[in-house]
Amino acid sequence: MLAEALVSGTSVICSAHGACPELITTDVGFVCTFWEDYCAAVEKIGEISPTRCREKAVSEYHYLRMARDYVREYQTEIDGAALAPPH
């Protein structure tokens, strides 16, 4: 849901658990640990640019970019398997 929020231009307020800290940067949202962090994030939410949220989502989470990355990774694995000695 984080990528979907960003692509719609909505900033994100999330917890510091799971993948959130890896995905949400200070230019598109707030990663919170304590209650006070959440309260501060709500107060500052207007400082986040909807345009920047969408730009991040398109550049990092767009399906075509992700598909190209998968193809590149698969090709790397195939090339590596071709170089591996036979069992």
PDB file of N, CA and C in Angstrom:
ATOM      1  N   MET A   1       0.801  -1.187   0.000  1.00  0.00           N
ATOM      2  CA  MET A   1       0.000   0.000   0.000  1.00  0.00           C
ATOM      3  C   MET A   1       0.859   1.273   0.000  1.00  0.00           C
ATOM      4  N   LEU A   2       2.111   1.144   0.371  1.00  0.00           N
ATOM      5  CA  LEU A   2       2.971   2.331   0.388  1.00  0.00           C
ATOM      6  C   LEU A   2       3.165   2.881  -1.021  1.00  0.00           C
ATOM      7  N   ALA A   3       3.480   2.002  -1.964  1.00  0.00           N
ATOM      8  CA  ALA A   3       3.695   2.445  -3.344  1.00  0.00           C
ATOM      9  C   ALA A   3       2.418   3.026  -3.934  1.00  0.00           C
ATOM     10  N   GLU A   4       1.288   2.421  -3.618  1.00  0.00           N
ATOM     11  CA  GLU A   4       0.019   2.915  -4.132  1.00  0.00           C
ATOM     12  C   GLU A   4      -0.278   4.311  -3.599  1.00  0.00           C
ATOM     13  N   ALA A   5       0.006   4.537  -2.326  1.00  0.00           N
ATOM     14  CA  ALA A   5      -0.193   5.870  -1.759  1.00  0.00           C
ATOM     15  C   ALA A   5       0.687   6.882  -2.472  1.00  0.00           C
ATOM     16  N   LEU A   6       1.948   6.536  -2.648  1.00  0.00           N
ATOM     17  CA  LEU A   6       2.878   7.461  -3.285  1.00  0.00           C
ATOM     18  C   LEU A   6       2.478   7.765  -4.722  1.00  0.00           C
ATOM     19  N   VAL A   7       2.079   6.757  -5.475  1.00  0.00           N
ATOM     20  CA  VAL A   7       1.724   6.991  -6.880  1.00  0.00           C
ATOM     21  C   VAL A   7       0.508   7.903  -7.001  1.00  0.00           C
ATOM     22  N   SER A   8      -0.330   7.906  -5.985  1.00  0.00           N
ATOM     23  CA  SER A   8      -1.490   8.798  -6.011  1.00  0.00           C
ATOM     24  C   SER A   8      -1.145  10.190  -5.474  1.00  0.00           C
ATOM     25  N   GLY A   9       0.121  10.383  -5.084  1.00  0.00           N
ATOM     26  CA  GLY A   9       0.543  11.677  -4.581  1.00  0.00           C
ATOM     27  C   GLY A   9       0.290  11.870  -3.104  1.00  0.00           C
ATOM     28  N   THR A  10       0.076  10.773  -2.403  1.00  0.00           N
ATOM     29  CA  THR A  10      -0.193  10.833  -0.972  1.00  0.00           C
ATOM     30  C   THR A  10       1.063  10.491  -0.190  1.00  0.00           C
ATOM     31  N   SER A  11       1.448  11.365   0.714  1.00  0.00           N
ATOM     32  CA  SER A  11       2.608  11.083   1.555  1.00  0.00           C
ATOM     33  C   SER A  11       2.258   9.975   2.546  1.00  0.00           C
ATOM     34  N   VAL A  12       3.279   9.385   3.142  1.00  0.00           N
ATOM     35  CA  VAL A  12       3.096   8.214   3.984  1.00  0.00           C
ATOM     36  C   VAL A  12       3.583   8.488   5.403  1.00  0.00           C
ATOM     37  N   ILE A  13       2.787   8.091   6.365  1.00  0.00           N
ATOM     38  CA  ILE A  13       3.201   8.045   7.761  1.00  0.00           C
ATOM     39  C   ILE A  13       3.169   6.569   8.136  1.00  0.00           C
ATOM     40  N   CYS A  14       4.317   6.024   8.521  1.00  0.00           N
ATOM     41  CA  CYS A  14       4.383   4.586   8.776  1.00  0.00           C
ATOM     42  C   CYS A  14       5.253   4.289   9.997  1.00  0.00           C
ATOM     43  N   SER A  15       5.244   3.041  10.396  1.00  0.00           N
ATOM     44  CA  SER A  15       6.048   2.614  11.538  1.00  0.00           C
ATOM     45  C   SER A  15       7.467   2.291  11.089  1.00  0.00           C
ATOM     46  N   ALA A  16       8.335   2.161  12.044  1.00  0.00           N
ATOM     47  CA  ALA A  16       9.731   1.833  11.766  1.00  0.00           C
ATOM     48  C   ALA A  16       9.942   0.321  11.649  1.00  0.00           C
ATOM     49  N   HIS A  17       8.876  -0.424  11.565  1.00  0.00           N
ATOM     50  CA  HIS A  17       8.964  -1.877  11.469  1.00  0.00           C
ATOM     51  C   HIS A  17       8.870  -2.345  10.023  1.00  0.00           C
ATOM     52  N   GLY A  18       9.334  -3.537   9.759  1.00  0.00           N
ATOM     53  CA  GLY A  18       9.244  -4.120   8.425  1.00  0.00           C
ATOM     54  C   GLY A  18      10.071  -3.350   7.411  1.00  0.00           C
ATOM     55  N   ALA A  19       9.565  -3.264   6.204  1.00  0.00           N
ATOM     56  CA  ALA A  19      10.296  -2.641   5.102  1.00  0.00           C
ATOM     57  C   ALA A  19      10.109  -1.132   5.037  1.00  0.00           C
ATOM     58  N   CYS A  20       9.261  -0.590   5.875  1.00  0.00           N
ATOM     59  CA  CYS A  20       8.960   0.847   5.798  1.00  0.00           C
ATOM     60  C   CYS A  20      10.199   1.735   5.786  1.00  0.00           C
ATOM     61  N   PRO A  21      11.160   1.543   6.695  1.00  0.00           N
ATOM     62  CA  PRO A  21      12.329   2.423   6.668  1.00  0.00           C
ATOM     63  C   PRO A  21      13.143   2.329   5.371  1.00  0.00           C
ATOM     64  N   GLU A  22      13.067   1.207   4.688  1.00  0.00           N
ATOM     65  CA  GLU A  22      13.785   1.039   3.425  1.00  0.00           C
ATOM     66  C   GLU A  22      13.064   1.720   2.266  1.00  0.00           C
ATOM     67  N   LEU A  23      11.766   1.883   2.375  1.00  0.00           N
ATOM     68  CA  LEU A  23      10.958   2.387   1.273  1.00  0.00           C
ATOM     69  C   LEU A  23      10.596   3.868   1.386  1.00  0.00           C
ATOM     70  N   ILE A  24      10.389   4.327   2.596  1.00  0.00           N
ATOM     71  CA  ILE A  24       9.909   5.693   2.793  1.00  0.00           C
ATOM     72  C   ILE A  24      11.062   6.590   3.231  1.00  0.00           C
ATOM     73  N   THR A  25      11.335   7.592   2.411  1.00  0.00           N
ATOM     74  CA  THR A  25      12.384   8.555   2.703  1.00  0.00           C
ATOM     75  C   THR A  25      11.750   9.859   3.187  1.00  0.00           C
ATOM     76  N   THR A  26      12.571  10.726   3.747  1.00  0.00           N
ATOM     77  CA  THR A  26      12.040  11.947   4.350  1.00  0.00           C
ATOM     78  C   THR A  26      11.384  12.884   3.346  1.00  0.00           C
ATOM     79  N   ASP A  27      11.671  12.714   2.068  1.00  0.00           N
ATOM     80  CA  ASP A  27      11.049  13.584   1.065  1.00  0.00           C
ATOM     81  C   ASP A  27       9.635  13.153   0.702  1.00  0.00           C
ATOM     82  N   VAL A  28       9.227  11.950   1.104  1.00  0.00           N
ATOM     83  CA  VAL A  28       7.884  11.466   0.766  1.00  0.00           C
ATOM     84  C   VAL A  28       7.062  11.026   1.973  1.00  0.00           C
ATOM     85  N   GLY A  29       7.644  11.100   3.162  1.00  0.00           N
ATOM     86  CA  GLY A  29       6.873  10.682   4.324  1.00  0.00           C
ATOM     87  C   GLY A  29       7.664  10.653   5.605  1.00  0.00           C
ATOM     88  N   PHE A  30       7.090   9.970   6.574  1.00  0.00           N
ATOM     89  CA  PHE A  30       7.648   9.923   7.915  1.00  0.00           C
ATOM     90  C   PHE A  30       7.657   8.480   8.415  1.00  0.00           C
ATOM     91  N   VAL A  31       8.777   8.051   8.926  1.00  0.00           N
ATOM     92  CA  VAL A  31       8.902   6.744   9.557  1.00  0.00           C
ATOM     93  C   VAL A  31       8.929   6.998  11.061  1.00  0.00           C
ATOM     94  N   CYS A  32       7.971   6.435  11.765  1.00  0.00           N
ATOM     95  CA  CYS A  32       7.779   6.762  13.179  1.00  0.00           C
ATOM     96  C   CYS A  32       8.054   5.568  14.087  1.00  0.00           C
ATOM     97  N   THR A  33       8.600   5.877  15.245  1.00  0.00           N
ATOM     98  CA  THR A  33       8.870   4.854  16.254  1.00  0.00           C
ATOM     99  C   THR A  33       7.965   5.045  17.464  1.00  0.00           C
ATOM    100  N   PHE A  34       7.828   6.274  17.905  1.00  0.00           N
ATOM    101  CA  PHE A  34       7.077   6.569  19.117  1.00  0.00           C
ATOM    102  C   PHE A  34       5.822   7.385  18.805  1.00  0.00           C
ATOM    103  N   TRP A  35       4.898   7.398  19.750  1.00  0.00           N
ATOM    104  CA  TRP A  35       3.655   8.148  19.605  1.00  0.00           C
ATOM    105  C   TRP A  35       3.935   9.599  19.222  1.00  0.00           C
ATOM    106  N   GLU A  36       4.934  10.183  19.841  1.00  0.00           N
ATOM    107  CA  GLU A  36       5.281  11.573  19.568  1.00  0.00           C
ATOM    108  C   GLU A  36       5.709  11.773  18.116  1.00  0.00           C
ATOM    109  N   ASP A  37       6.367  10.762  17.551  1.00  0.00           N
ATOM    110  CA  ASP A  37       6.776  10.828  16.142  1.00  0.00           C
ATOM    111  C   ASP A  37       5.558  10.912  15.229  1.00  0.00           C
ATOM    112  N   TYR A  38       4.545  10.104  15.539  1.00  0.00           N
ATOM    113  CA  TYR A  38       3.313  10.125  14.746  1.00  0.00           C
ATOM    114  C   TYR A  38       2.614  11.484  14.853  1.00  0.00           C
ATOM    115  N   CYS A  39       2.566  12.020  16.058  1.00  0.00           N
ATOM    116  CA  CYS A  39       1.923  13.331  16.259  1.00  0.00           C
ATOM    117  C   CYS A  39       2.656  14.413  15.473  1.00  0.00           C
ATOM    118  N   ALA A  40       3.979  14.384  15.522  1.00  0.00           N
ATOM    119  CA  ALA A  40       4.771  15.367  14.782  1.00  0.00           C
ATOM    120  C   ALA A  40       4.575  15.198  13.273  1.00  0.00           C
ATOM    121  N   ALA A  41       4.479  13.951  12.816  1.00  0.00           N
ATOM    122  CA  ALA A  41       4.285  13.683  11.389  1.00  0.00           C
ATOM    123  C   ALA A  41       2.966  14.257  10.897  1.00  0.00           C
ATOM    124  N   VAL A  42       1.923  14.087  11.683  1.00  0.00           N
ATOM    125  CA  VAL A  42       0.614  14.628  11.301  1.00  0.00           C
ATOM    126  C   VAL A  42       0.694  16.146  11.171  1.00  0.00           C
ATOM    127  N   GLU A  43       1.413  16.777  12.068  1.00  0.00           N
ATOM    128  CA  GLU A  43       1.560  18.237  12.022  1.00  0.00           C
ATOM    129  C   GLU A  43       2.348  18.698  10.793  1.00  0.00           C
ATOM    130  N   LYS A  44       3.282  17.873  10.313  1.00  0.00           N
ATOM    131  CA  LYS A  44       4.169  18.272   9.211  1.00  0.00           C
ATOM    132  C   LYS A  44       3.767  17.693   7.855  1.00  0.00           C
ATOM    133  N   ILE A  45       2.674  16.974   7.788  1.00  0.00           N
ATOM    134  CA  ILE A  45       2.300  16.266   6.566  1.00  0.00           C
ATOM    135  C   ILE A  45       2.154  17.203   5.369  1.00  0.00           C
ATOM    136  N   GLY A  46       1.758  18.417   5.608  1.00  0.00           N
ATOM    137  CA  GLY A  46       1.587  19.394   4.529  1.00  0.00           C
ATOM    138  C   GLY A  46       2.894  19.820   3.878  1.00  0.00           C
ATOM    139  N   GLU A  47       4.018  19.516   4.514  1.00  0.00           N
ATOM    140  CA  GLU A  47       5.327  19.885   3.973  1.00  0.00           C
ATOM    141  C   GLU A  47       5.797  18.934   2.868  1.00  0.00           C
ATOM    142  N   ILE A  48       5.117  17.812   2.726  1.00  0.00           N
ATOM    143  CA  ILE A  48       5.504  16.807   1.733  1.00  0.00           C
ATOM    144  C   ILE A  48       4.829  17.139   0.400  1.00  0.00           C
ATOM    145  N   SER A  49       5.607  17.131  -0.657  1.00  0.00           N
ATOM    146  CA  SER A  49       5.101  17.450  -1.989  1.00  0.00           C
ATOM    147  C   SER A  49       4.410  16.242  -2.621  1.00  0.00           C
ATOM    148  N   PRO A  50       3.138  16.372  -2.991  1.00  0.00           N
ATOM    149  CA  PRO A  50       2.462  15.284  -3.706  1.00  0.00           C
ATOM    150  C   PRO A  50       3.184  14.925  -5.011  1.00  0.00           C
ATOM    151  N   THR A  51       3.729  15.924  -5.680  1.00  0.00           N
ATOM    152  CA  THR A  51       4.456  15.672  -6.930  1.00  0.00           C
ATOM    153  C   THR A  51       5.673  14.807  -6.667  1.00  0.00           C
ATOM    154  N   ARG A  52       6.405  15.095  -5.591  1.00  0.00           N
ATOM    155  CA  ARG A  52       7.594  14.302  -5.259  1.00  0.00           C
ATOM    156  C   ARG A  52       7.201  12.870  -4.916  1.00  0.00           C
ATOM    157  N   CYS A  53       6.085  12.687  -4.220  1.00  0.00           N
ATOM    158  CA  CYS A  53       5.609  11.333  -3.897  1.00  0.00           C
ATOM    159  C   CYS A  53       5.389  10.531  -5.174  1.00  0.00           C
ATOM    160  N   ARG A  54       4.693  11.142  -6.122  1.00  0.00           N
ATOM    161  CA  ARG A  54       4.424  10.452  -7.386  1.00  0.00           C
ATOM    162  C   ARG A  54       5.711  10.181  -8.159  1.00  0.00           C
ATOM    163  N   GLU A  55       6.618  11.140  -8.192  1.00  0.00           N
ATOM    164  CA  GLU A  55       7.894  10.947  -8.896  1.00  0.00           C
ATOM    165  C   GLU A  55       8.667   9.762  -8.315  1.00  0.00           C
ATOM    166  N   LYS A  56       8.704   9.667  -6.992  1.00  0.00           N
ATOM    167  CA  LYS A  56       9.413   8.553  -6.355  1.00  0.00           C
ATOM    168  C   LYS A  56       8.757   7.222  -6.722  1.00  0.00           C
ATOM    169  N   ALA A  57       7.437   7.182  -6.667  1.00  0.00           N
ATOM    170  CA  ALA A  57       6.728   5.939  -6.975  1.00  0.00           C
ATOM    171  C   ALA A  57       6.986   5.500  -8.410  1.00  0.00           C
ATOM    172  N   VAL A  58       6.912   6.426  -9.337  1.00  0.00           N
ATOM    173  CA  VAL A  58       7.115   6.085 -10.750  1.00  0.00           C
ATOM    174  C   VAL A  58       8.556   5.655 -11.009  1.00  0.00           C
ATOM    175  N   SER A  59       9.515   6.338 -10.393  1.00  0.00           N
ATOM    176  CA  SER A  59      10.917   6.009 -10.652  1.00  0.00           C
ATOM    177  C   SER A  59      11.369   4.738  -9.948  1.00  0.00           C
ATOM    178  N   GLU A  60      10.780   4.418  -8.794  1.00  0.00           N
ATOM    179  CA  GLU A  60      11.264   3.274  -8.028  1.00  0.00           C
ATOM    180  C   GLU A  60      10.340   2.065  -8.028  1.00  0.00           C
ATOM    181  N   TYR A  61       9.055   2.259  -8.216  1.00  0.00           N
ATOM    182  CA  TYR A  61       8.099   1.154  -8.062  1.00  0.00           C
ATOM    183  C   TYR A  61       7.260   0.872  -9.295  1.00  0.00           C
ATOM    184  N   HIS A  62       7.490   1.550 -10.390  1.00  0.00           N
ATOM    185  CA  HIS A  62       6.710   1.315 -11.601  1.00  0.00           C
ATOM    186  C   HIS A  62       6.949  -0.113 -12.096  1.00  0.00           C
ATOM    187  N   TYR A  63       5.913  -0.762 -12.574  1.00  0.00           N
ATOM    188  CA  TYR A  63       6.020  -2.162 -12.974  1.00  0.00           C
ATOM    189  C   TYR A  63       7.010  -2.372 -14.121  1.00  0.00           C
ATOM    190  N   LEU A  64       7.136  -1.416 -15.026  1.00  0.00           N
ATOM    191  CA  LEU A  64       8.090  -1.584 -16.127  1.00  0.00           C
ATOM    192  C   LEU A  64       9.530  -1.523 -15.630  1.00  0.00           C
ATOM    193  N   ARG A  65       9.806  -0.638 -14.683  1.00  0.00           N
ATOM    194  CA  ARG A  65      11.150  -0.584 -14.110  1.00  0.00           C
ATOM    195  C   ARG A  65      11.455  -1.862 -13.359  1.00  0.00           C
ATOM    196  N   MET A  66      10.481  -2.341 -12.597  1.00  0.00           N
ATOM    197  CA  MET A  66      10.684  -3.572 -11.829  1.00  0.00           C
ATOM    198  C   MET A  66      10.863  -4.765 -12.766  1.00  0.00           C
ATOM    199  N   ALA A  67      10.106  -4.816 -13.850  1.00  0.00           N
ATOM    200  CA  ALA A  67      10.248  -5.911 -14.808  1.00  0.00           C
ATOM    201  C   ALA A  67      11.636  -5.902 -15.437  1.00  0.00           C
ATOM    202  N   ARG A  68      12.134  -4.716 -15.807  1.00  0.00           N
ATOM    203  CA  ARG A  68      13.499  -4.627 -16.353  1.00  0.00           C
ATOM    204  C   ARG A  68      14.527  -5.119 -15.342  1.00  0.00           C
ATOM    205  N   ASP A  69      14.347  -4.778 -14.074  1.00  0.00           N
ATOM    206  CA  ASP A  69      15.274  -5.240 -13.033  1.00  0.00           C
ATOM    207  C   ASP A  69      15.228  -6.760 -12.892  1.00  0.00           C
ATOM    208  N   TYR A  70      14.033  -7.344 -12.952  1.00  0.00           N
ATOM    209  CA  TYR A  70      13.914  -8.804 -12.874  1.00  0.00           C
ATOM    210  C   TYR A  70      14.615  -9.466 -14.056  1.00  0.00           C
ATOM    211  N   VAL A  71      14.393  -8.957 -15.250  1.00  0.00           N
ATOM    212  CA  VAL A  71      15.033  -9.527 -16.436  1.00  0.00           C
ATOM    213  C   VAL A  71      16.544  -9.445 -16.298  1.00  0.00           C
ATOM    214  N   ARG A  72      17.057  -8.321 -15.841  1.00  0.00           N
ATOM    215  CA  ARG A  72      18.503  -8.158 -15.648  1.00  0.00           C
ATOM    216  C   ARG A  72      19.024  -9.169 -14.623  1.00  0.00           C
ATOM    217  N   GLU A  73      18.305  -9.350 -13.520  1.00  0.00           N
ATOM    218  CA  GLU A  73      18.727 -10.305 -12.490  1.00  0.00           C
ATOM    219  C   GLU A  73      18.679 -11.736 -13.011  1.00  0.00           C
ATOM    220  N   TYR A  74      17.613 -12.078 -13.732  1.00  0.00           N
ATOM    221  CA  TYR A  74      17.530 -13.419 -14.308  1.00  0.00           C
ATOM    222  C   TYR A  74      18.686 -13.666 -15.271  1.00  0.00           C
ATOM    223  N   GLN A  75      19.005 -12.666 -16.092  1.00  0.00           N
ATOM    224  CA  GLN A  75      20.103 -12.817 -17.043  1.00  0.00           C
ATOM    225  C   GLN A  75      21.426 -13.011 -16.314  1.00  0.00           C
ATOM    226  N   THR A  76      21.631 -12.295 -15.234  1.00  0.00           N
ATOM    227  CA  THR A  76      22.838 -12.469 -14.426  1.00  0.00           C
ATOM    228  C   THR A  76      22.924 -13.889 -13.890  1.00  0.00           C
ATOM    229  N   GLU A  77      21.804 -14.409 -13.401  1.00  0.00           N
ATOM    230  CA  GLU A  77      21.782 -15.780 -12.878  1.00  0.00           C
ATOM    231  C   GLU A  77      22.036 -16.802 -13.985  1.00  0.00           C
ATOM    232  N   ILE A  78      21.417 -16.597 -15.145  1.00  0.00           N
ATOM    233  CA  ILE A  78      21.613 -17.514 -16.281  1.00  0.00           C
ATOM    234  C   ILE A  78      23.068 -17.491 -16.717  1.00  0.00           C
ATOM    235  N   ASP A  79      23.640 -16.299 -16.828  1.00  0.00           N
ATOM    236  CA  ASP A  79      25.043 -16.183 -17.228  1.00  0.00           C
ATOM    237  C   ASP A  79      25.957 -16.860 -16.219  1.00  0.00           C
ATOM    238  N   GLY A  80      25.651 -16.690 -14.939  1.00  0.00           N
ATOM    239  CA  GLY A  80      26.458 -17.319 -13.881  1.00  0.00           C
ATOM    240  C   GLY A  80      26.343 -18.841 -13.913  1.00  0.00           C
ATOM    241  N   ALA A  81      25.153 -19.353 -14.202  1.00  0.00           N
ATOM    242  CA  ALA A  81      24.959 -20.809 -14.289  1.00  0.00           C
ATOM    243  C   ALA A  81      25.712 -21.381 -15.466  1.00  0.00           C
ATOM    244  N   ALA A  82      25.798 -20.623 -16.560  1.00  0.00           N
ATOM    245  CA  ALA A  82      26.508 -21.096 -17.738  1.00  0.00           C
ATOM    246  C   ALA A  82      28.002 -21.190 -17.478  1.00  0.00           C
ATOM    247  N   LEU A  83      28.509 -20.392 -16.561  1.00  0.00           N
ATOM    248  CA  LEU A  83      29.934 -20.394 -16.239  1.00  0.00           C
ATOM    249  C   LEU A  83      30.299 -21.398 -15.173  1.00  0.00           C
ATOM    250  N   ALA A  84      29.296 -21.893 -14.450  1.00  0.00           N
ATOM    251  CA  ALA A  84      29.554 -22.828 -13.354  1.00  0.00           C
ATOM    252  C   ALA A  84      30.037 -24.171 -13.890  1.00  0.00           C
ATOM    253  N   PRO A  85      30.994 -24.783 -13.184  1.00  0.00           N
ATOM    254  CA  PRO A  85      31.476 -26.094 -13.631  1.00  0.00           C
ATOM    255  C   PRO A  85      30.378 -27.149 -13.494  1.00  0.00           C
ATOM    256  N   PRO A  86      30.387 -28.149 -14.363  1.00  0.00           N
ATOM    257  CA  PRO A  86      29.384 -29.210 -14.260  1.00  0.00           C
ATOM    258  C   PRO A  86      29.527 -29.983 -12.946  1.00  0.00           C
ATOM    259  N   HIS A  87      28.435 -30.549 -12.496  1.00  0.00           N
ATOM    260  CA  HIS A  87      28.455 -31.308 -11.218  1.00  0.00           C
ATOM    261  C   HIS A  87      29.125 -32.616 -11.389  1.00  0.00           C
TER     262      HIS A  87
END
